[in-house]
Amino acid sequence: REFVSAIASGGTTRYADSVKGRFTISQDRAKNSASLQMNSLKPEDT
């Protein structure tokens, strides 16, 4: 299993080099949810 992205409770984000510029992580504290927007998807993202 490999790391893709993370968002700290304070809002700071991290991304694997392979997805930088293509993926965006976000968090909704009130709804206890998180999302990952994935753009420009590649077969290796499977």
PDB file of all heavy atoms in Angstrom:
ATOM      1  N   ARG A   1       0.842  -1.181   0.000  1.00  0.00           N
ATOM      2  CA  ARG A   1       0.000   0.000   0.000  1.00  0.00           C
ATOM      3  C   ARG A   1       0.886   1.244   0.000  1.00  0.00           C
ATOM      4  O   ARG A   1       1.852   1.329   0.757  1.00  0.00           O
ATOM      5  CB  ARG A   1      -0.906  -0.025   1.232  1.00  0.00           C
ATOM      6  CG  ARG A   1      -2.009   1.003   1.220  1.00  0.00           C
ATOM      7  CD  ARG A   1      -3.026   0.725   2.330  1.00  0.00           C
ATOM      8  NE  ARG A   1      -3.703  -0.548   2.136  1.00  0.00           N
ATOM      9  CZ  ARG A   1      -4.667  -1.009   2.925  1.00  0.00           C
ATOM     10  NH1 ARG A   1      -5.077  -0.282   3.964  1.00  0.00           N
ATOM     11  NH2 ARG A   1      -5.222  -2.181   2.691  1.00  0.00           N
ATOM     12  N   GLU A   2       0.567   2.216  -0.837  1.00  0.00           N
ATOM     13  CA  GLU A   2       1.393   3.405  -0.946  1.00  0.00           C
ATOM     14  C   GLU A   2       0.622   4.670  -0.590  1.00  0.00           C
ATOM     15  O   GLU A   2      -0.578   4.785  -0.829  1.00  0.00           O
ATOM     16  CB  GLU A   2       1.990   3.537  -2.355  1.00  0.00           C
ATOM     17  CG  GLU A   2       0.977   3.817  -3.448  1.00  0.00           C
ATOM     18  CD  GLU A   2       1.619   4.145  -4.783  1.00  0.00           C
ATOM     19  OE1 GLU A   2       2.807   4.539  -4.803  1.00  0.00           O
ATOM     20  OE2 GLU A   2       0.940   4.012  -5.820  1.00  0.00           O
ATOM     21  N   PHE A   3       1.353   5.609  -0.053  1.00  0.00           N
ATOM     22  CA  PHE A   3       0.793   6.893   0.329  1.00  0.00           C
ATOM     23  C   PHE A   3       0.436   7.715  -0.896  1.00  0.00           C
ATOM     24  O   PHE A   3       1.182   7.757  -1.872  1.00  0.00           O
ATOM     25  CB  PHE A   3       1.805   7.655   1.191  1.00  0.00           C
ATOM     26  CG  PHE A   3       1.438   9.081   1.461  1.00  0.00           C
ATOM     27  CD1 PHE A   3       0.515   9.405   2.442  1.00  0.00           C
ATOM     28  CD2 PHE A   3       2.012  10.107   0.731  1.00  0.00           C
ATOM     29  CE1 PHE A   3       0.173  10.720   2.702  1.00  0.00           C
ATOM     30  CE2 PHE A   3       1.678  11.426   0.985  1.00  0.00           C
ATOM     31  CZ  PHE A   3       0.760  11.731   1.965  1.00  0.00           C
ATOM     32  N   VAL A   4      -0.713   8.385  -0.845  1.00  0.00           N
ATOM     33  CA  VAL A   4      -1.161   9.246  -1.932  1.00  0.00           C
ATOM     34  C   VAL A   4      -1.195  10.706  -1.496  1.00  0.00           C
ATOM     35  O   VAL A   4      -0.585  11.567  -2.122  1.00  0.00           O
ATOM     36  CB  VAL A   4      -2.544   8.828  -2.455  1.00  0.00           C
ATOM     37  CG1 VAL A   4      -3.032   9.808  -3.516  1.00  0.00           C
ATOM     38  CG2 VAL A   4      -2.503   7.416  -3.014  1.00  0.00           C
ATOM     39  N   SER A   5      -1.919  10.983  -0.417  1.00  0.00           N
ATOM     40  CA  SER A   5      -2.081  12.360   0.030  1.00  0.00           C
ATOM     41  C   SER A   5      -2.549  12.391   1.469  1.00  0.00           C
ATOM     42  O   SER A   5      -3.114  11.420   1.973  1.00  0.00           O
ATOM     43  CB  SER A   5      -3.091  13.084  -0.872  1.00  0.00           C
ATOM     44  OG  SER A   5      -3.218  14.449  -0.507  1.00  0.00           O
ATOM     45  N   ALA A   6      -2.319  13.509   2.136  1.00  0.00           N
ATOM     46  CA  ALA A   6      -2.760  13.680   3.512  1.00  0.00           C
ATOM     47  C   ALA A   6      -3.092  15.131   3.777  1.00  0.00           C
ATOM     48  O   ALA A   6      -2.519  16.043   3.164  1.00  0.00           O
ATOM     49  CB  ALA A   6      -1.684  13.211   4.491  1.00  0.00           C
ATOM     50  N   ILE A   7      -4.015  15.335   4.692  1.00  0.00           N
ATOM     51  CA  ILE A   7      -4.353  16.677   5.148  1.00  0.00           C
ATOM     52  C   ILE A   7      -4.447  16.658   6.658  1.00  0.00           C
ATOM     53  O   ILE A   7      -5.152  15.840   7.241  1.00  0.00           O
ATOM     54  CB  ILE A   7      -5.662  17.191   4.501  1.00  0.00           C
ATOM     55  CG1 ILE A   7      -5.946  18.625   4.952  1.00  0.00           C
ATOM     56  CG2 ILE A   7      -6.834  16.269   4.798  1.00  0.00           C
ATOM     57  CD1 ILE A   7      -7.028  19.311   4.125  1.00  0.00           C
ATOM     58  N   ALA A   8      -3.697  17.531   7.298  1.00  0.00           N
ATOM     59  CA  ALA A   8      -3.707  17.633   8.748  1.00  0.00           C
ATOM     60  C   ALA A   8      -4.941  18.393   9.206  1.00  0.00           C
ATOM     61  O   ALA A   8      -5.569  19.125   8.429  1.00  0.00           O
ATOM     62  CB  ALA A   8      -2.443  18.325   9.242  1.00  0.00           C
ATOM     63  N   SER A   9      -5.272  18.211  10.465  1.00  0.00           N
ATOM     64  CA  SER A   9      -6.445  18.888  11.004  1.00  0.00           C
ATOM     65  C   SER A   9      -6.328  20.400  10.887  1.00  0.00           C
ATOM     66  O   SER A   9      -7.346  21.089  10.787  1.00  0.00           O
ATOM     67  CB  SER A   9      -6.664  18.478  12.467  1.00  0.00           C
ATOM     68  OG  SER A   9      -5.538  18.795  13.266  1.00  0.00           O
ATOM     69  N   GLY A  10      -5.090  20.905  10.886  1.00  0.00           N
ATOM     70  CA  GLY A  10      -4.860  22.325  10.731  1.00  0.00           C
ATOM     71  C   GLY A  10      -4.927  22.826   9.301  1.00  0.00           C
ATOM     72  O   GLY A  10      -4.870  24.035   9.063  1.00  0.00           O
ATOM     73  N   GLY A  11      -5.011  21.910   8.343  1.00  0.00           N
ATOM     74  CA  GLY A  11      -5.179  22.293   6.956  1.00  0.00           C
ATOM     75  C   GLY A  11      -3.983  22.073   6.044  1.00  0.00           C
ATOM     76  O   GLY A  11      -4.116  22.202   4.824  1.00  0.00           O
ATOM     77  N   THR A  12      -2.820  21.747   6.597  1.00  0.00           N
ATOM     78  CA  THR A  12      -1.647  21.518   5.761  1.00  0.00           C
ATOM     79  C   THR A  12      -1.806  20.225   4.969  1.00  0.00           C
ATOM     80  O   THR A  12      -2.374  19.250   5.463  1.00  0.00           O
ATOM     81  CB  THR A  12      -0.364  21.464   6.591  1.00  0.00           C
ATOM     82  OG1 THR A  12      -0.486  20.443   7.593  1.00  0.00           O
ATOM     83  CG2 THR A  12      -0.112  22.799   7.266  1.00  0.00           C
ATOM     84  N   THR A  13      -1.306  20.208   3.755  1.00  0.00           N
ATOM     85  CA  THR A  13      -1.468  19.059   2.873  1.00  0.00           C
ATOM     86  C   THR A  13      -0.134  18.510   2.406  1.00  0.00           C
ATOM     87  O   THR A  13       0.875  19.219   2.351  1.00  0.00           O
ATOM     88  CB  THR A  13      -2.312  19.424   1.646  1.00  0.00           C
ATOM     89  OG1 THR A  13      -1.678  20.489   0.924  1.00  0.00           O
ATOM     90  CG2 THR A  13      -3.704  19.871   2.066  1.00  0.00           C
ATOM     91  N   ARG A  14      -0.129  17.231   2.053  1.00  0.00           N
ATOM     92  CA  ARG A  14       1.028  16.557   1.478  1.00  0.00           C
ATOM     93  C   ARG A  14       0.563  15.680   0.341  1.00  0.00           C
ATOM     94  O   ARG A  14      -0.538  15.136   0.365  1.00  0.00           O
ATOM     95  CB  ARG A  14       1.749  15.686   2.521  1.00  0.00           C
ATOM     96  CG  ARG A  14       2.429  16.442   3.633  1.00  0.00           C
ATOM     97  CD  ARG A  14       3.290  15.492   4.475  1.00  0.00           C
ATOM     98  NE  ARG A  14       2.486  14.497   5.165  1.00  0.00           N
ATOM     99  CZ  ARG A  14       2.654  13.180   5.047  1.00  0.00           C
ATOM    100  NH1 ARG A  14       3.608  12.701   4.259  1.00  0.00           N
ATOM    101  NH2 ARG A  14       1.885  12.351   5.728  1.00  0.00           N
ATOM    102  N   TYR A  15       1.424  15.526  -0.660  1.00  0.00           N
ATOM    103  CA  TYR A  15       1.103  14.695  -1.812  1.00  0.00           C
ATOM    104  C   TYR A  15       2.299  13.865  -2.225  1.00  0.00           C
ATOM    105  O   TYR A  15       3.445  14.317  -2.133  1.00  0.00           O
ATOM    106  CB  TYR A  15       0.678  15.544  -3.007  1.00  0.00           C
ATOM    107  CG  TYR A  15      -0.565  16.363  -2.781  1.00  0.00           C
ATOM    108  CD1 TYR A  15      -0.488  17.672  -2.319  1.00  0.00           C
ATOM    109  CD2 TYR A  15      -1.823  15.822  -3.028  1.00  0.00           C
ATOM    110  CE1 TYR A  15      -1.633  18.422  -2.106  1.00  0.00           C
ATOM    111  CE2 TYR A  15      -2.967  16.570  -2.819  1.00  0.00           C
ATOM    112  CZ  TYR A  15      -2.869  17.864  -2.361  1.00  0.00           C
ATOM    113  OH  TYR A  15      -4.007  18.608  -2.147  1.00  0.00           O
ATOM    114  N   ALA A  16       2.025  12.661  -2.682  1.00  0.00           N
ATOM    115  CA  ALA A  16       3.068  11.874  -3.308  1.00  0.00           C
ATOM    116  C   ALA A  16       3.489  12.557  -4.600  1.00  0.00           C
ATOM    117  O   ALA A  16       2.676  13.200  -5.274  1.00  0.00           O
ATOM    118  CB  ALA A  16       2.576  10.457  -3.596  1.00  0.00           C
ATOM    119  N   ASP A  17       4.764  12.439  -4.947  1.00  0.00           N
ATOM    120  CA  ASP A  17       5.258  13.082  -6.160  1.00  0.00           C
ATOM    121  C   ASP A  17       4.472  12.655  -7.398  1.00  0.00           C
ATOM    122  O   ASP A  17       4.277  13.441  -8.328  1.00  0.00           O
ATOM    123  CB  ASP A  17       6.740  12.767  -6.364  1.00  0.00           C
ATOM    124  CG  ASP A  17       7.632  13.494  -5.383  1.00  0.00           C
ATOM    125  OD1 ASP A  17       7.183  14.490  -4.779  1.00  0.00           O
ATOM    126  OD2 ASP A  17       8.790  13.070  -5.220  1.00  0.00           O
ATOM    127  N   SER A  18       4.012  11.426  -7.407  1.00  0.00           N
ATOM    128  CA  SER A  18       3.322  10.890  -8.564  1.00  0.00           C
ATOM    129  C   SER A  18       1.961  11.534  -8.828  1.00  0.00           C
ATOM    130  O   SER A  18       1.429  11.406  -9.930  1.00  0.00           O
ATOM    131  CB  SER A  18       3.147   9.375  -8.423  1.00  0.00           C
ATOM    132  OG  SER A  18       2.409   9.060  -7.260  1.00  0.00           O
ATOM    133  N   VAL A  19       1.405  12.226  -7.832  1.00  0.00           N
ATOM    134  CA  VAL A  19       0.076  12.812  -7.999  1.00  0.00           C
ATOM    135  C   VAL A  19       0.072  14.324  -7.850  1.00  0.00           C
ATOM    136  O   VAL A  19      -0.980  14.952  -8.032  1.00  0.00           O
ATOM    137  CB  VAL A  19      -0.944  12.199  -7.016  1.00  0.00           C
ATOM    138  CG1 VAL A  19      -0.956  10.681  -7.131  1.00  0.00           C
ATOM    139  CG2 VAL A  19      -0.648  12.624  -5.583  1.00  0.00           C
ATOM    140  N   LYS A  20       1.199  14.925  -7.547  1.00  0.00           N
ATOM    141  CA  LYS A  20       1.270  16.376  -7.384  1.00  0.00           C
ATOM    142  C   LYS A  20       0.822  17.090  -8.653  1.00  0.00           C
ATOM    143  O   LYS A  20       1.206  16.717  -9.756  1.00  0.00           O
ATOM    144  CB  LYS A  20       2.693  16.809  -7.031  1.00  0.00           C
ATOM    145  CG  LYS A  20       3.090  16.531  -5.595  1.00  0.00           C
ATOM    146  CD  LYS A  20       4.496  17.035  -5.304  1.00  0.00           C
ATOM    147  CE  LYS A  20       4.877  16.782  -3.859  1.00  0.00           C
ATOM    148  NZ  LYS A  20       6.267  17.201  -3.573  1.00  0.00           N
ATOM    149  N   GLY A  21      -0.001  18.100  -8.459  1.00  0.00           N
ATOM    150  CA  GLY A  21      -0.519  18.855  -9.584  1.00  0.00           C
ATOM    151  C   GLY A  21      -1.755  18.261 -10.209  1.00  0.00           C
ATOM    152  O   GLY A  21      -2.405  18.916 -11.031  1.00  0.00           O
ATOM    153  N   ARG A  22      -2.098  17.036  -9.840  1.00  0.00           N
ATOM    154  CA  ARG A  22      -3.261  16.361 -10.413  1.00  0.00           C
ATOM    155  C   ARG A  22      -4.342  16.070  -9.375  1.00  0.00           C
ATOM    156  O   ARG A  22      -5.522  16.112  -9.697  1.00  0.00           O
ATOM    157  CB  ARG A  22      -2.852  15.048 -11.082  1.00  0.00           C
ATOM    158  CG  ARG A  22      -1.858  15.219 -12.216  1.00  0.00           C
ATOM    159  CD  ARG A  22      -1.649  13.914 -12.970  1.00  0.00           C
ATOM    160  NE  ARG A  22      -1.081  12.868 -12.105  1.00  0.00           N
ATOM    161  CZ  ARG A  22      -1.663  11.709 -11.852  1.00  0.00           C
ATOM    162  NH1 ARG A  22      -2.848  11.420 -12.406  1.00  0.00           N
ATOM    163  NH2 ARG A  22      -1.080  10.814 -11.074  1.00  0.00           N
ATOM    164  N   PHE A  23      -3.934  15.766  -8.154  1.00  0.00           N
ATOM    165  CA  PHE A  23      -4.872  15.423  -7.085  1.00  0.00           C
ATOM    166  C   PHE A  23      -4.949  16.553  -6.072  1.00  0.00           C
ATOM    167  O   PHE A  23      -3.956  17.243  -5.812  1.00  0.00           O
ATOM    168  CB  PHE A  23      -4.432  14.152  -6.356  1.00  0.00           C
ATOM    169  CG  PHE A  23      -4.534  12.884  -7.152  1.00  0.00           C
ATOM    170  CD1 PHE A  23      -4.793  12.896  -8.517  1.00  0.00           C
ATOM    171  CD2 PHE A  23      -4.367  11.660  -6.521  1.00  0.00           C
ATOM    172  CE1 PHE A  23      -4.879  11.722  -9.246  1.00  0.00           C
ATOM    173  CE2 PHE A  23      -4.452  10.482  -7.236  1.00  0.00           C
ATOM    174  CZ  PHE A  23      -4.707  10.508  -8.600  1.00  0.00           C
ATOM    175  N   THR A  24      -6.112  16.716  -5.461  1.00  0.00           N
ATOM    176  CA  THR A  24      -6.315  17.698  -4.414  1.00  0.00           C
ATOM    177  C   THR A  24      -7.101  17.068  -3.272  1.00  0.00           C
ATOM    178  O   THR A  24      -8.173  16.503  -3.494  1.00  0.00           O
ATOM    179  CB  THR A  24      -7.074  18.936  -4.923  1.00  0.00           C
ATOM    180  OG1 THR A  24      -6.368  19.520  -6.018  1.00  0.00           O
ATOM    181  CG2 THR A  24      -7.204  19.967  -3.812  1.00  0.00           C
ATOM    182  N   ILE A  25      -6.568  17.167  -2.071  1.00  0.00           N
ATOM    183  CA  ILE A  25      -7.239  16.615  -0.904  1.00  0.00           C
ATOM    184  C   ILE A  25      -7.899  17.743  -0.122  1.00  0.00           C
ATOM    185  O   ILE A  25      -7.383  18.856  -0.061  1.00  0.00           O
ATOM    186  CB  ILE A  25      -6.250  15.832  -0.008  1.00  0.00           C
ATOM    187  CG1 ILE A  25      -6.999  15.063   1.087  1.00  0.00           C
ATOM    188  CG2 ILE A  25      -5.200  16.759   0.597  1.00  0.00           C
ATOM    189  CD1 ILE A  25      -6.114  14.093   1.863  1.00  0.00           C
ATOM    190  N   SER A  26      -9.039  17.452   0.473  1.00  0.00           N
ATOM    191  CA  SER A  26      -9.737  18.427   1.290  1.00  0.00           C
ATOM    192  C   SER A  26     -10.426  17.717   2.442  1.00  0.00           C
ATOM    193  O   SER A  26     -10.619  16.496   2.422  1.00  0.00           O
ATOM    194  CB  SER A  26     -10.748  19.227   0.465  1.00  0.00           C
ATOM    195  OG  SER A  26     -11.736  18.381  -0.089  1.00  0.00           O
ATOM    196  N   GLN A  27     -10.793  18.495   3.449  1.00  0.00           N
ATOM    197  CA  GLN A  27     -11.424  17.932   4.635  1.00  0.00           C
ATOM    198  C   GLN A  27     -12.541  18.841   5.105  1.00  0.00           C
ATOM    199  O   GLN A  27     -12.403  20.066   5.092  1.00  0.00           O
ATOM    200  CB  GLN A  27     -10.386  17.744   5.744  1.00  0.00           C
ATOM    201  CG  GLN A  27     -10.926  17.099   7.015  1.00  0.00           C
ATOM    202  CD  GLN A  27      -9.846  16.920   8.060  1.00  0.00           C
ATOM    203  OE1 GLN A  27      -8.812  17.588   8.025  1.00  0.00           O
ATOM    204  NE2 GLN A  27     -10.066  16.010   8.996  1.00  0.00           N
ATOM    205  N   ASP A  28     -13.632  18.241   5.526  1.00  0.00           N
ATOM    206  CA  ASP A  28     -14.749  18.960   6.111  1.00  0.00           C
ATOM    207  C   ASP A  28     -14.898  18.475   7.539  1.00  0.00           C
ATOM    208  O   ASP A  28     -15.470  17.414   7.788  1.00  0.00           O
ATOM    209  CB  ASP A  28     -16.033  18.730   5.320  1.00  0.00           C
ATOM    210  CG  ASP A  28     -17.169  19.622   5.774  1.00  0.00           C
ATOM    211  OD1 ASP A  28     -17.179  20.051   6.933  1.00  0.00           O
ATOM    212  OD2 ASP A  28     -18.066  19.893   4.947  1.00  0.00           O
ATOM    213  N   ARG A  29     -14.368  19.228   8.478  1.00  0.00           N
ATOM    214  CA  ARG A  29     -14.396  18.833   9.879  1.00  0.00           C
ATOM    215  C   ARG A  29     -15.823  18.704  10.406  1.00  0.00           C
ATOM    216  O   ARG A  29     -16.125  17.787  11.170  1.00  0.00           O
ATOM    217  CB  ARG A  29     -13.624  19.842  10.732  1.00  0.00           C
ATOM    218  CG  ARG A  29     -12.126  19.913  10.444  1.00  0.00           C
ATOM    219  CD  ARG A  29     -11.389  18.805  11.172  1.00  0.00           C
ATOM    220  NE  ARG A  29     -11.551  18.913  12.617  1.00  0.00           N
ATOM    221  CZ  ARG A  29     -10.854  19.738  13.396  1.00  0.00           C
ATOM    222  NH1 ARG A  29      -9.916  20.514  12.874  1.00  0.00           N
ATOM    223  NH2 ARG A  29     -11.076  19.765  14.698  1.00  0.00           N
ATOM    224  N   ALA A  30     -16.698  19.618  10.014  1.00  0.00           N
ATOM    225  CA  ALA A  30     -18.060  19.605  10.510  1.00  0.00           C
ATOM    226  C   ALA A  30     -18.806  18.345  10.093  1.00  0.00           C
ATOM    227  O   ALA A  30     -19.636  17.825  10.842  1.00  0.00           O
ATOM    228  CB  ALA A  30     -18.813  20.844  10.033  1.00  0.00           C
ATOM    229  N   LYS A  31     -18.516  17.851   8.908  1.00  0.00           N
ATOM    230  CA  LYS A  31     -19.193  16.661   8.397  1.00  0.00           C
ATOM    231  C   LYS A  31     -18.400  15.375   8.613  1.00  0.00           C
ATOM    232  O   LYS A  31     -18.840  14.305   8.201  1.00  0.00           O
ATOM    233  CB  LYS A  31     -19.486  16.829   6.907  1.00  0.00           C
ATOM    234  CG  LYS A  31     -20.435  17.967   6.586  1.00  0.00           C
ATOM    235  CD  LYS A  31     -20.689  18.061   5.089  1.00  0.00           C
ATOM    236  CE  LYS A  31     -21.654  19.183   4.759  1.00  0.00           C
ATOM    237  NZ  LYS A  31     -21.898  19.297   3.300  1.00  0.00           N
ATOM    238  N   ASN A  32     -17.223  15.497   9.251  1.00  0.00           N
ATOM    239  CA  ASN A  32     -16.354  14.337   9.464  1.00  0.00           C
ATOM    240  C   ASN A  32     -16.090  13.600   8.160  1.00  0.00           C
ATOM    241  O   ASN A  32     -16.207  12.369   8.084  1.00  0.00           O
ATOM    242  CB  ASN A  32     -16.957  13.391  10.500  1.00  0.00           C
ATOM    243  CG  ASN A  32     -16.986  13.983  11.883  1.00  0.00           C
ATOM    244  OD1 ASN A  32     -16.021  14.612  12.320  1.00  0.00           O
ATOM    245  ND2 ASN A  32     -18.082  13.792  12.597  1.00  0.00           N
ATOM    246  N   SER A  33     -15.743  14.350   7.155  1.00  0.00           N
ATOM    247  CA  SER A  33     -15.508  13.758   5.851  1.00  0.00           C
ATOM    248  C   SER A  33     -14.257  14.334   5.205  1.00  0.00           C
ATOM    249  O   SER A  33     -13.771  15.398   5.582  1.00  0.00           O
ATOM    250  CB  SER A  33     -16.713  13.974   4.934  1.00  0.00           C
ATOM    251  OG  SER A  33     -16.901  15.351   4.667  1.00  0.00           O
ATOM    252  N   ALA A  34     -13.746  13.605   4.234  1.00  0.00           N
ATOM    253  CA  ALA A  34     -12.598  14.040   3.456  1.00  0.00           C
ATOM    254  C   ALA A  34     -12.825  13.640   2.009  1.00  0.00           C
ATOM    255  O   ALA A  34     -13.557  12.696   1.728  1.00  0.00           O
ATOM    256  CB  ALA A  34     -11.307  13.430   3.985  1.00  0.00           C
ATOM    257  N   SER A  35     -12.195  14.344   1.102  1.00  0.00           N
ATOM    258  CA  SER A  35     -12.351  14.030  -0.310  1.00  0.00           C
ATOM    259  C   SER A  35     -11.015  14.100  -1.022  1.00  0.00           C
ATOM    260  O   SER A  35     -10.069  14.720  -0.546  1.00  0.00           O
ATOM    261  CB  SER A  35     -13.357  14.966  -0.977  1.00  0.00           C
ATOM    262  OG  SER A  35     -12.876  16.299  -0.987  1.00  0.00           O
ATOM    263  N   LEU A  36     -10.959  13.445  -2.154  1.00  0.00           N
ATOM    264  CA  LEU A  36      -9.774  13.464  -3.004  1.00  0.00           C
ATOM    265  C   LEU A  36     -10.235  13.698  -4.428  1.00  0.00           C
ATOM    266  O   LEU A  36     -10.844  12.816  -5.039  1.00  0.00           O
ATOM    267  CB  LEU A  36      -9.001  12.148  -2.896  1.00  0.00           C
ATOM    268  CG  LEU A  36      -7.685  12.083  -3.667  1.00  0.00           C
ATOM    269  CD1 LEU A  36      -6.647  13.003  -3.020  1.00  0.00           C
ATOM    270  CD2 LEU A  36      -7.155  10.651  -3.715  1.00  0.00           C
ATOM    271  N   GLN A  37      -9.970  14.886  -4.934  1.00  0.00           N
ATOM    272  CA  GLN A  37     -10.279  15.208  -6.322  1.00  0.00           C
ATOM    273  C   GLN A  37      -9.118  14.758  -7.186  1.00  0.00           C
ATOM    274  O   GLN A  37      -7.988  15.200  -6.991  1.00  0.00           O
ATOM    275  CB  GLN A  37     -10.513  16.710  -6.486  1.00  0.00           C
ATOM    276  CG  GLN A  37     -10.807  17.155  -7.913  1.00  0.00           C
ATOM    277  CD  GLN A  37     -12.111  16.612  -8.439  1.00  0.00           C
ATOM    278  OE1 GLN A  37     -13.120  16.642  -7.738  1.00  0.00           O
ATOM    279  NE2 GLN A  37     -12.092  16.110  -9.665  1.00  0.00           N
ATOM    280  N   MET A  38      -9.397  13.889  -8.136  1.00  0.00           N
ATOM    281  CA  MET A  38      -8.367  13.317  -8.986  1.00  0.00           C
ATOM    282  C   MET A  38      -8.613  13.745 -10.432  1.00  0.00           C
ATOM    283  O   MET A  38      -9.622  13.381 -11.033  1.00  0.00           O
ATOM    284  CB  MET A  38      -8.356  11.793  -8.882  1.00  0.00           C
ATOM    285  CG  MET A  38      -8.226  11.278  -7.450  1.00  0.00           C
ATOM    286  SD  MET A  38      -8.066   9.478  -7.365  1.00  0.00           S
ATOM    287  CE  MET A  38      -9.680   9.001  -8.008  1.00  0.00           C
ATOM    288  N   ASN A  39      -7.685  14.515 -10.961  1.00  0.00           N
ATOM    289  CA  ASN A  39      -7.766  14.991 -12.334  1.00  0.00           C
ATOM    290  C   ASN A  39      -6.624  14.403 -13.160  1.00  0.00           C
ATOM    291  O   ASN A  39      -5.634  13.925 -12.618  1.00  0.00           O
ATOM    292  CB  ASN A  39      -7.703  16.517 -12.384  1.00  0.00           C
ATOM    293  CG  ASN A  39      -8.847  17.187 -11.671  1.00  0.00           C
ATOM    294  OD1 ASN A  39      -9.967  16.690 -11.667  1.00  0.00           O
ATOM    295  ND2 ASN A  39      -8.573  18.348 -11.077  1.00  0.00           N
ATOM    296  N   SER A  40      -6.771  14.475 -14.471  1.00  0.00           N
ATOM    297  CA  SER A  40      -5.747  13.980 -15.389  1.00  0.00           C
ATOM    298  C   SER A  40      -5.296  12.575 -15.018  1.00  0.00           C
ATOM    299  O   SER A  40      -4.101  12.281 -14.940  1.00  0.00           O
ATOM    300  CB  SER A  40      -4.547  14.937 -15.404  1.00  0.00           C
ATOM    301  OG  SER A  40      -4.938  16.241 -15.787  1.00  0.00           O
ATOM    302  N   LEU A  41      -6.250  11.707 -14.807  1.00  0.00           N
ATOM    303  CA  LEU A  41      -5.949  10.355 -14.355  1.00  0.00           C
ATOM    304  C   LEU A  41      -5.162   9.571 -15.392  1.00  0.00           C
ATOM    305  O   LEU A  41      -5.364   9.730 -16.596  1.00  0.00           O
ATOM    306  CB  LEU A  41      -7.232   9.621 -14.001  1.00  0.00           C
ATOM    307  CG  LEU A  41      -7.851  10.033 -12.661  1.00  0.00           C
ATOM    308  CD1 LEU A  41      -9.301   9.591 -12.584  1.00  0.00           C
ATOM    309  CD2 LEU A  41      -7.048   9.436 -11.509  1.00  0.00           C
ATOM    310  N   LYS A  42      -4.273   8.726 -14.894  1.00  0.00           N
ATOM    311  CA  LYS A  42      -3.423   7.889 -15.720  1.00  0.00           C
ATOM    312  C   LYS A  42      -3.688   6.424 -15.405  1.00  0.00           C
ATOM    313  O   LYS A  42      -4.134   6.100 -14.314  1.00  0.00           O
ATOM    314  CB  LYS A  42      -1.945   8.200 -15.450  1.00  0.00           C
ATOM    315  CG  LYS A  42      -1.553   9.649 -15.634  1.00  0.00           C
ATOM    316  CD  LYS A  42      -0.105   9.869 -15.208  1.00  0.00           C
ATOM    317  CE  LYS A  42       0.307  11.317 -15.367  1.00  0.00           C
ATOM    318  NZ  LYS A  42       1.715  11.535 -14.929  1.00  0.00           N
ATOM    319  N   PRO A  43      -3.399   5.524 -16.342  1.00  0.00           N
ATOM    320  CA  PRO A  43      -3.586   4.099 -16.066  1.00  0.00           C
ATOM    321  C   PRO A  43      -2.851   3.631 -14.810  1.00  0.00           C
ATOM    322  O   PRO A  43      -3.347   2.748 -14.107  1.00  0.00           O
ATOM    323  CB  PRO A  43      -3.020   3.418 -17.320  1.00  0.00           C
ATOM    324  CG  PRO A  43      -3.264   4.415 -18.399  1.00  0.00           C
ATOM    325  CD  PRO A  43      -3.021   5.752 -17.752  1.00  0.00           C
ATOM    326  N   GLU A  44      -1.697   4.215 -14.521  1.00  0.00           N
ATOM    327  CA  GLU A  44      -0.953   3.832 -13.334  1.00  0.00           C
ATOM    328  C   GLU A  44      -1.606   4.281 -12.029  1.00  0.00           C
ATOM    329  O   GLU A  44      -1.156   3.912 -10.944  1.00  0.00           O
ATOM    330  CB  GLU A  44       0.495   4.352 -13.390  1.00  0.00           C
ATOM    331  CG  GLU A  44       0.620   5.800 -13.797  1.00  0.00           C
ATOM    332  CD  GLU A  44       0.905   5.978 -15.273  1.00  0.00           C
ATOM    333  OE1 GLU A  44       0.205   5.359 -16.096  1.00  0.00           O
ATOM    334  OE2 GLU A  44       1.842   6.741 -15.609  1.00  0.00           O
ATOM    335  N   ASP A  45      -2.672   5.076 -12.119  1.00  0.00           N
ATOM    336  CA  ASP A  45      -3.446   5.436 -10.942  1.00  0.00           C
ATOM    337  C   ASP A  45      -4.432   4.340 -10.554  1.00  0.00           C
ATOM    338  O   ASP A  45      -5.062   4.427  -9.497  1.00  0.00           O
ATOM    339  CB  ASP A  45      -4.217   6.736 -11.172  1.00  0.00           C
ATOM    340  CG  ASP A  45      -3.316   7.943 -11.339  1.00  0.00           C
ATOM    341  OD1 ASP A  45      -2.315   8.054 -10.600  1.00  0.00           O
ATOM    342  OD2 ASP A  45      -3.618   8.787 -12.206  1.00  0.00           O
ATOM    343  N   THR A  46      -4.591   3.349 -11.397  1.00  0.00           N
ATOM    344  CA  THR A  46      -5.506   2.248 -11.118  1.00  0.00           C
ATOM    345  C   THR A  46      -5.103   1.534  -9.840  1.00  0.00           C
ATOM    346  O   THR A  46      -3.966   1.086  -9.704  1.00  0.00           O
ATOM    347  CB  THR A  46      -5.530   1.252 -12.280  1.00  0.00           C
ATOM    348  OG1 THR A  46      -6.048   1.895 -13.446  1.00  0.00           O
ATOM    349  CG2 THR A  46      -6.399   0.049 -11.950  1.00  0.00           C
TER     350      THR A  46
END
